[in-house]
Amino acid sequence: MTLQDLKSMDRAIITPAIAAKILNCDPQYIRVAARQCPEQLGFPVIIMGTKTRIPRIAFIRFLEGGYGE
Protein backbone atom coordinates (compact mmCIF):
# COMPACT_ATOMS: atom_id res chain seq x y z
CA MET A 1 0.00 0.00 0.00
CA THR A 2 1.21 3.49 -0.84
CA LEU A 3 0.31 6.99 0.27
CA GLN A 4 -1.53 7.44 -3.03
CA ASP A 5 -3.59 4.31 -2.33
CA LEU A 6 -4.46 5.72 1.07
CA LYS A 7 -5.47 9.06 -0.42
CA SER A 8 -7.73 7.36 -2.96
CA MET A 9 -9.70 5.49 -0.27
CA ASP A 10 -13.13 6.79 0.64
CA ARG A 11 -13.03 5.52 4.23
CA ALA A 12 -12.93 7.98 7.12
CA ILE A 13 -11.18 5.53 9.45
CA ILE A 14 -8.38 3.04 8.82
CA THR A 15 -7.11 0.11 10.86
CA PRO A 16 -3.67 -0.35 12.39
CA ALA A 17 -3.08 -3.04 9.74
CA ILE A 18 -3.48 -0.49 6.94
CA ALA A 19 -1.32 2.09 8.73
CA ALA A 20 1.34 -0.53 9.42
CA LYS A 21 1.61 -1.40 5.72
CA ILE A 22 2.47 2.21 4.97
CA LEU A 23 4.79 2.61 7.97
CA ASN A 24 6.38 -0.79 7.32
CA CYS A 25 5.89 -2.04 10.87
CA ASP A 26 3.87 -4.59 12.81
CA PRO A 27 0.26 -3.46 13.39
CA GLN A 28 0.51 -4.71 16.97
CA TYR A 29 3.13 -2.00 17.68
CA ILE A 30 0.54 0.63 16.71
CA ARG A 31 -2.16 -1.00 18.84
CA VAL A 32 0.09 -1.19 21.92
CA ALA A 33 1.40 2.36 21.48
CA ALA A 34 -2.15 3.66 21.02
CA ARG A 35 -3.06 2.31 24.45
CA GLN A 36 0.15 3.02 26.34
CA CYS A 37 1.43 6.32 24.89
CA PRO A 38 -0.76 7.64 22.05
CA GLU A 39 0.92 11.06 22.15
CA GLN A 40 4.16 9.49 20.92
CA LEU A 41 2.60 8.07 17.75
CA GLY A 42 2.38 11.45 16.05
CA PHE A 43 -1.13 10.88 14.73
CA PRO A 44 -4.47 10.60 16.54
CA VAL A 45 -6.02 7.25 17.38
CA ILE A 46 -9.45 6.16 18.52
CA ILE A 47 -9.78 3.34 21.05
CA MET A 48 -13.19 1.62 21.08
CA GLY A 49 -13.13 -1.25 23.54
CA THR A 50 -10.51 -3.60 22.14
CA LYS A 51 -10.45 -1.93 18.72
CA THR A 52 -7.96 0.69 17.59
CA ARG A 53 -8.87 2.97 14.70
CA ILE A 54 -7.05 5.83 12.99
CA PRO A 55 -8.65 8.84 11.27
CA ARG A 56 -7.49 8.53 7.63
CA ILE A 57 -7.14 12.24 6.81
CA ALA A 58 -5.20 12.93 10.02
CA PHE A 59 -2.88 10.00 9.24
CA ILE A 60 -2.28 11.36 5.73
CA ARG A 61 -1.39 14.77 7.21
CA PHE A 62 1.02 13.05 9.59
CA LEU A 63 2.69 11.25 6.68
CA GLU A 64 3.01 14.52 4.77
CA GLY A 65 4.85 16.11 7.67
CA GLY A 66 2.14 17.70 9.79
CA TYR A 67 0.25 16.62 12.86
CA GLY A 68 -3.14 15.25 11.84
CA GLU A 69 -5.68 16.98 14.05
PDB file of N, CA and C in Angstrom:
ATOM      1  N   MET A   1       0.843  -1.175   0.000  1.00  0.00           N
ATOM      2  CA  MET A   1       0.000   0.000   0.000  1.00  0.00           C
ATOM      3  C   MET A   1       0.886   1.235   0.000  1.00  0.00           C
ATOM      4  N   THR A   2       0.458   2.240  -0.732  1.00  0.00           N
ATOM      5  CA  THR A   2       1.209   3.490  -0.839  1.00  0.00           C
ATOM      6  C   THR A   2       0.378   4.649  -0.293  1.00  0.00           C
ATOM      7  N   LEU A   3       1.019   5.790  -0.159  1.00  0.00           N
ATOM      8  CA  LEU A   3       0.310   6.991   0.266  1.00  0.00           C
ATOM      9  C   LEU A   3      -0.788   7.337  -0.733  1.00  0.00           C
ATOM     10  N   GLN A   4      -0.512   7.164  -2.007  1.00  0.00           N
ATOM     11  CA  GLN A   4      -1.527   7.441  -3.029  1.00  0.00           C
ATOM     12  C   GLN A   4      -2.732   6.512  -2.881  1.00  0.00           C
ATOM     13  N   ASP A   5      -2.484   5.252  -2.583  1.00  0.00           N
ATOM     14  CA  ASP A   5      -3.587   4.310  -2.328  1.00  0.00           C
ATOM     15  C   ASP A   5      -4.434   4.779  -1.145  1.00  0.00           C
ATOM     16  N   LEU A   6      -3.765   5.231  -0.111  1.00  0.00           N
ATOM     17  CA  LEU A   6      -4.458   5.717   1.074  1.00  0.00           C
ATOM     18  C   LEU A   6      -5.298   6.945   0.748  1.00  0.00           C
ATOM     19  N   LYS A   7      -4.744   7.849  -0.039  1.00  0.00           N
ATOM     20  CA  LYS A   7      -5.470   9.058  -0.421  1.00  0.00           C
ATOM     21  C   LYS A   7      -6.700   8.735  -1.273  1.00  0.00           C
ATOM     22  N   SER A   8      -6.622   7.697  -2.066  1.00  0.00           N
ATOM     23  CA  SER A   8      -7.731   7.359  -2.956  1.00  0.00           C
ATOM     24  C   SER A   8      -8.867   6.609  -2.255  1.00  0.00           C
ATOM     25  N   MET A   9      -8.647   6.171  -1.024  1.00  0.00           N
ATOM     26  CA  MET A   9      -9.700   5.491  -0.269  1.00  0.00           C
ATOM     27  C   MET A   9     -10.815   6.473   0.059  1.00  0.00           C
ATOM     28  N   ASP A  10     -12.021   5.939   0.246  1.00  0.00           N
ATOM     29  CA  ASP A  10     -13.126   6.794   0.639  1.00  0.00           C
ATOM     30  C   ASP A  10     -13.557   6.540   2.085  1.00  0.00           C
ATOM     31  N   ARG A  11     -12.746   5.821   2.830  1.00  0.00           N
ATOM     32  CA  ARG A  11     -13.035   5.515   4.232  1.00  0.00           C
ATOM     33  C   ARG A  11     -12.574   6.660   5.127  1.00  0.00           C
ATOM     34  N   ALA A  12     -13.316   6.936   6.172  1.00  0.00           N
ATOM     35  CA  ALA A  12     -12.931   7.978   7.125  1.00  0.00           C
ATOM     36  C   ALA A  12     -11.923   7.448   8.150  1.00  0.00           C
ATOM     37  N   ILE A  13     -12.005   6.163   8.418  1.00  0.00           N
ATOM     38  CA  ILE A  13     -11.184   5.526   9.454  1.00  0.00           C
ATOM     39  C   ILE A  13     -10.418   4.358   8.844  1.00  0.00           C
ATOM     40  N   ILE A  14      -9.158   4.199   9.257  1.00  0.00           N
ATOM     41  CA  ILE A  14      -8.378   3.036   8.824  1.00  0.00           C
ATOM     42  C   ILE A  14      -7.976   2.216  10.048  1.00  0.00           C
ATOM     43  N   THR A  15      -7.531   1.015   9.795  1.00  0.00           N
ATOM     44  CA  THR A  15      -7.113   0.114  10.862  1.00  0.00           C
ATOM     45  C   THR A  15      -5.604   0.196  11.062  1.00  0.00           C
ATOM     46  N   PRO A  16      -5.117  -0.282  12.193  1.00  0.00           N
ATOM     47  CA  PRO A  16      -3.673  -0.345  12.386  1.00  0.00           C
ATOM     48  C   PRO A  16      -2.978  -1.202  11.312  1.00  0.00           C
ATOM     49  N   ALA A  17      -3.673  -2.200  10.790  1.00  0.00           N
ATOM     50  CA  ALA A  17      -3.083  -3.039   9.742  1.00  0.00           C
ATOM     51  C   ALA A  17      -2.790  -2.228   8.486  1.00  0.00           C
ATOM     52  N   ILE A  18      -3.695  -1.339   8.118  1.00  0.00           N
ATOM     53  CA  ILE A  18      -3.481  -0.487   6.942  1.00  0.00           C
ATOM     54  C   ILE A  18      -2.349   0.495   7.211  1.00  0.00           C
ATOM     55  N   ALA A  19      -2.376   1.130   8.376  1.00  0.00           N
ATOM     56  CA  ALA A  19      -1.320   2.092   8.727  1.00  0.00           C
ATOM     57  C   ALA A  19       0.047   1.406   8.776  1.00  0.00           C
ATOM     58  N   ALA A  20       0.074   0.194   9.298  1.00  0.00           N
ATOM     59  CA  ALA A  20       1.338  -0.532   9.420  1.00  0.00           C
ATOM     60  C   ALA A  20       1.936  -0.869   8.057  1.00  0.00           C
ATOM     61  N   LYS A  21       1.094  -1.128   7.069  1.00  0.00           N
ATOM     62  CA  LYS A  21       1.609  -1.401   5.723  1.00  0.00           C
ATOM     63  C   LYS A  21       2.357  -0.187   5.181  1.00  0.00           C
ATOM     64  N   ILE A  22       1.835   0.990   5.463  1.00  0.00           N
ATOM     65  CA  ILE A  22       2.466   2.215   4.974  1.00  0.00           C
ATOM     66  C   ILE A  22       3.717   2.540   5.785  1.00  0.00           C
ATOM     67  N   LEU A  23       3.655   2.313   7.092  1.00  0.00           N
ATOM     68  CA  LEU A  23       4.794   2.609   7.967  1.00  0.00           C
ATOM     69  C   LEU A  23       5.830   1.491   7.990  1.00  0.00           C
ATOM     70  N   ASN A  24       5.488   0.362   7.375  1.00  0.00           N
ATOM     71  CA  ASN A  24       6.377  -0.791   7.325  1.00  0.00           C
ATOM     72  C   ASN A  24       6.733  -1.276   8.736  1.00  0.00           C
ATOM     73  N   CYS A  25       5.690  -1.530   9.522  1.00  0.00           N
ATOM     74  CA  CYS A  25       5.888  -2.040  10.873  1.00  0.00           C
ATOM     75  C   CYS A  25       4.797  -3.053  11.187  1.00  0.00           C
ATOM     76  N   ASP A  26       4.869  -3.631  12.352  1.00  0.00           N
ATOM     77  CA  ASP A  26       3.875  -4.594  12.810  1.00  0.00           C
ATOM     78  C   ASP A  26       2.652  -3.826  13.331  1.00  0.00           C
ATOM     79  N   PRO A  27       1.448  -4.162  12.903  1.00  0.00           N
ATOM     80  CA  PRO A  27       0.256  -3.457  13.392  1.00  0.00           C
ATOM     81  C   PRO A  27       0.098  -3.530  14.915  1.00  0.00           C
ATOM     82  N   GLN A  28       0.617  -4.579  15.510  1.00  0.00           N
ATOM     83  CA  GLN A  28       0.507  -4.708  16.965  1.00  0.00           C
ATOM     84  C   GLN A  28       1.287  -3.595  17.675  1.00  0.00           C
ATOM     85  N   TYR A  29       2.379  -3.115  17.079  1.00  0.00           N
ATOM     86  CA  TYR A  29       3.129  -2.001  17.675  1.00  0.00           C
ATOM     87  C   TYR A  29       2.237  -0.764  17.758  1.00  0.00           C
ATOM     88  N   ILE A  30       1.439  -0.522  16.728  1.00  0.00           N
ATOM     89  CA  ILE A  30       0.542   0.629  16.714  1.00  0.00           C
ATOM     90  C   ILE A  30      -0.548   0.450  17.769  1.00  0.00           C
ATOM     91  N   ARG A  31      -1.098  -0.742  17.860  1.00  0.00           N
ATOM     92  CA  ARG A  31      -2.156  -1.003  18.844  1.00  0.00           C
ATOM     93  C   ARG A  31      -1.654  -0.792  20.269  1.00  0.00           C
ATOM     94  N   VAL A  32      -0.485  -1.316  20.566  1.00  0.00           N
ATOM     95  CA  VAL A  32       0.085  -1.187  21.915  1.00  0.00           C
ATOM     96  C   VAL A  32       0.410   0.271  22.217  1.00  0.00           C
ATOM     97  N   ALA A  33       1.050   0.948  21.279  1.00  0.00           N
ATOM     98  CA  ALA A  33       1.400   2.361  21.483  1.00  0.00           C
ATOM     99  C   ALA A  33       0.152   3.217  21.649  1.00  0.00           C
ATOM    100  N   ALA A  34      -0.908   2.904  20.928  1.00  0.00           N
ATOM    101  CA  ALA A  34      -2.154   3.661  21.021  1.00  0.00           C
ATOM    102  C   ALA A  34      -2.743   3.582  22.429  1.00  0.00           C
ATOM    103  N   ARG A  35      -2.543   2.475  23.097  1.00  0.00           N
ATOM    104  CA  ARG A  35      -3.064   2.312  24.453  1.00  0.00           C
ATOM    105  C   ARG A  35      -2.105   2.852  25.510  1.00  0.00           C
ATOM    106  N   GLN A  36      -0.817   2.676  25.295  1.00  0.00           N
ATOM    107  CA  GLN A  36       0.151   3.025  26.335  1.00  0.00           C
ATOM    108  C   GLN A  36       0.660   4.461  26.241  1.00  0.00           C
ATOM    109  N   CYS A  37       0.873   4.964  25.043  1.00  0.00           N
ATOM    110  CA  CYS A  37       1.430   6.317  24.886  1.00  0.00           C
ATOM    111  C   CYS A  37       1.021   6.902  23.534  1.00  0.00           C
ATOM    112  N   PRO A  38      -0.266   7.177  23.348  1.00  0.00           N
ATOM    113  CA  PRO A  38      -0.757   7.644  22.047  1.00  0.00           C
ATOM    114  C   PRO A  38      -0.117   8.950  21.584  1.00  0.00           C
ATOM    115  N   GLU A  39       0.297   9.790  22.523  1.00  0.00           N
ATOM    116  CA  GLU A  39       0.917  11.060  22.152  1.00  0.00           C
ATOM    117  C   GLU A  39       2.243  10.871  21.419  1.00  0.00           C
ATOM    118  N   GLN A  40       2.887   9.742  21.581  1.00  0.00           N
ATOM    119  CA  GLN A  40       4.161   9.493  20.916  1.00  0.00           C
ATOM    120  C   GLN A  40       4.003   8.967  19.492  1.00  0.00           C
ATOM    121  N   LEU A  41       2.806   8.583  19.110  1.00  0.00           N
ATOM    122  CA  LEU A  41       2.602   8.072  17.751  1.00  0.00           C
ATOM    123  C   LEU A  41       2.763   9.173  16.703  1.00  0.00           C
ATOM    124  N   GLY A  42       2.297  10.366  17.022  1.00  0.00           N
ATOM    125  CA  GLY A  42       2.378  11.452  16.055  1.00  0.00           C
ATOM    126  C   GLY A  42       1.118  11.646  15.240  1.00  0.00           C
ATOM    127  N   PHE A  43       0.166  10.758  15.395  1.00  0.00           N
ATOM    128  CA  PHE A  43      -1.134  10.877  14.733  1.00  0.00           C
ATOM    129  C   PHE A  43      -2.204  10.426  15.725  1.00  0.00           C
ATOM    130  N   PRO A  44      -3.416  10.958  15.595  1.00  0.00           N
ATOM    131  CA  PRO A  44      -4.466  10.598  16.544  1.00  0.00           C
ATOM    132  C   PRO A  44      -4.979   9.178  16.338  1.00  0.00           C
ATOM    133  N   VAL A  45      -5.429   8.591  17.423  1.00  0.00           N
ATOM    134  CA  VAL A  45      -6.016   7.252  17.375  1.00  0.00           C
ATOM    135  C   VAL A  45      -7.320   7.262  18.157  1.00  0.00           C
ATOM    136  N   ILE A  46      -8.171   6.325  17.839  1.00  0.00           N
ATOM    137  CA  ILE A  46      -9.445   6.157  18.523  1.00  0.00           C
ATOM    138  C   ILE A  46      -9.456   4.745  19.098  1.00  0.00           C
ATOM    139  N   ILE A  47      -9.687   4.640  20.399  1.00  0.00           N
ATOM    140  CA  ILE A  47      -9.784   3.340  21.052  1.00  0.00           C
ATOM    141  C   ILE A  47     -11.257   3.097  21.358  1.00  0.00           C
ATOM    142  N   MET A  48     -11.799   2.003  20.838  1.00  0.00           N
ATOM    143  CA  MET A  48     -13.192   1.621  21.082  1.00  0.00           C
ATOM    144  C   MET A  48     -13.184   0.194  21.621  1.00  0.00           C
ATOM    145  N   GLY A  49     -13.216   0.076  22.940  1.00  0.00           N
ATOM    146  CA  GLY A  49     -13.131  -1.252  23.539  1.00  0.00           C
ATOM    147  C   GLY A  49     -11.774  -1.861  23.248  1.00  0.00           C
ATOM    148  N   THR A  50     -11.773  -2.956  22.503  1.00  0.00           N
ATOM    149  CA  THR A  50     -10.514  -3.601  22.139  1.00  0.00           C
ATOM    150  C   THR A  50     -10.028  -3.195  20.744  1.00  0.00           C
ATOM    151  N   LYS A  51     -10.782  -2.343  20.091  1.00  0.00           N
ATOM    152  CA  LYS A  51     -10.451  -1.935  18.717  1.00  0.00           C
ATOM    153  C   LYS A  51      -9.666  -0.633  18.711  1.00  0.00           C
ATOM    154  N   THR A  52      -8.721  -0.532  17.797  1.00  0.00           N
ATOM    155  CA  THR A  52      -7.959   0.688  17.589  1.00  0.00           C
ATOM    156  C   THR A  52      -8.224   1.149  16.162  1.00  0.00           C
ATOM    157  N   ARG A  53      -8.590   2.399  16.014  1.00  0.00           N
ATOM    158  CA  ARG A  53      -8.872   2.973  14.700  1.00  0.00           C
ATOM    159  C   ARG A  53      -8.101   4.273  14.546  1.00  0.00           C
ATOM    160  N   ILE A  54      -7.836   4.645  13.302  1.00  0.00           N
ATOM    161  CA  ILE A  54      -7.048   5.834  12.990  1.00  0.00           C
ATOM    162  C   ILE A  54      -7.804   6.676  11.971  1.00  0.00           C
ATOM    163  N   PRO A  55      -8.019   7.967  12.254  1.00  0.00           N
ATOM    164  CA  PRO A  55      -8.648   8.836  11.268  1.00  0.00           C
ATOM    165  C   PRO A  55      -7.747   8.961  10.027  1.00  0.00           C
ATOM    166  N   ARG A  56      -8.285   8.600   8.864  1.00  0.00           N
ATOM    167  CA  ARG A  56      -7.488   8.529   7.634  1.00  0.00           C
ATOM    168  C   ARG A  56      -6.866   9.873   7.252  1.00  0.00           C
ATOM    169  N   ILE A  57      -7.655  10.941   7.240  1.00  0.00           N
ATOM    170  CA  ILE A  57      -7.141  12.240   6.813  1.00  0.00           C
ATOM    171  C   ILE A  57      -6.032  12.718   7.752  1.00  0.00           C
ATOM    172  N   ALA A  58      -6.222  12.535   9.046  1.00  0.00           N
ATOM    173  CA  ALA A  58      -5.199  12.925  10.017  1.00  0.00           C
ATOM    174  C   ALA A  58      -3.923  12.118   9.816  1.00  0.00           C
ATOM    175  N   PHE A  59      -4.056  10.847   9.483  1.00  0.00           N
ATOM    176  CA  PHE A  59      -2.885  10.002   9.241  1.00  0.00           C
ATOM    177  C   PHE A  59      -2.156  10.466   7.984  1.00  0.00           C
ATOM    178  N   ILE A  60      -2.893  10.843   6.956  1.00  0.00           N
ATOM    179  CA  ILE A  60      -2.277  11.360   5.728  1.00  0.00           C
ATOM    180  C   ILE A  60      -1.503  12.637   6.037  1.00  0.00           C
ATOM    181  N   ARG A  61      -2.090  13.539   6.831  1.00  0.00           N
ATOM    182  CA  ARG A  61      -1.393  14.775   7.211  1.00  0.00           C
ATOM    183  C   ARG A  61      -0.112  14.466   7.960  1.00  0.00           C
ATOM    184  N   PHE A  62      -0.173  13.476   8.858  1.00  0.00           N
ATOM    185  CA  PHE A  62       1.020  13.048   9.590  1.00  0.00           C
ATOM    186  C   PHE A  62       2.108  12.579   8.624  1.00  0.00           C
ATOM    187  N   LEU A  63       1.723  11.769   7.647  1.00  0.00           N
ATOM    188  CA  LEU A  63       2.690  11.247   6.684  1.00  0.00           C
ATOM    189  C   LEU A  63       3.291  12.358   5.827  1.00  0.00           C
ATOM    190  N   GLU A  64       2.526  13.403   5.603  1.00  0.00           N
ATOM    191  CA  GLU A  64       3.012  14.516   4.773  1.00  0.00           C
ATOM    192  C   GLU A  64       3.780  15.543   5.596  1.00  0.00           C
ATOM    193  N   GLY A  65       3.985  15.249   6.871  1.00  0.00           N
ATOM    194  CA  GLY A  65       4.846  16.114   7.667  1.00  0.00           C
ATOM    195  C   GLY A  65       4.160  16.994   8.679  1.00  0.00           C
ATOM    196  N   GLY A  66       2.848  16.887   8.802  1.00  0.00           N
ATOM    197  CA  GLY A  66       2.140  17.697   9.787  1.00  0.00           C
ATOM    198  C   GLY A  66       1.425  16.813  10.764  1.00  0.00           C
ATOM    199  N   TYR A  67       1.017  17.396  11.888  1.00  0.00           N
ATOM    200  CA  TYR A  67       0.245  16.617  12.859  1.00  0.00           C
ATOM    201  C   TYR A  67      -1.193  16.591  12.388  1.00  0.00           C
ATOM    202  N   GLY A  68      -1.815  15.430  12.407  1.00  0.00           N
ATOM    203  CA  GLY A  68      -3.141  15.254  11.839  1.00  0.00           C
ATOM    204  C   GLY A  68      -4.294  15.489  12.759  1.00  0.00           C
ATOM    205  N   GLU A  69      -4.509  16.700  13.213  1.00  0.00           N
ATOM    206  CA  GLU A  69      -5.676  16.975  14.055  1.00  0.00           C
ATOM    207  C   GLU A  69      -6.889  17.218  13.214  1.00  0.00           C
TER     208      GLU A  69
END
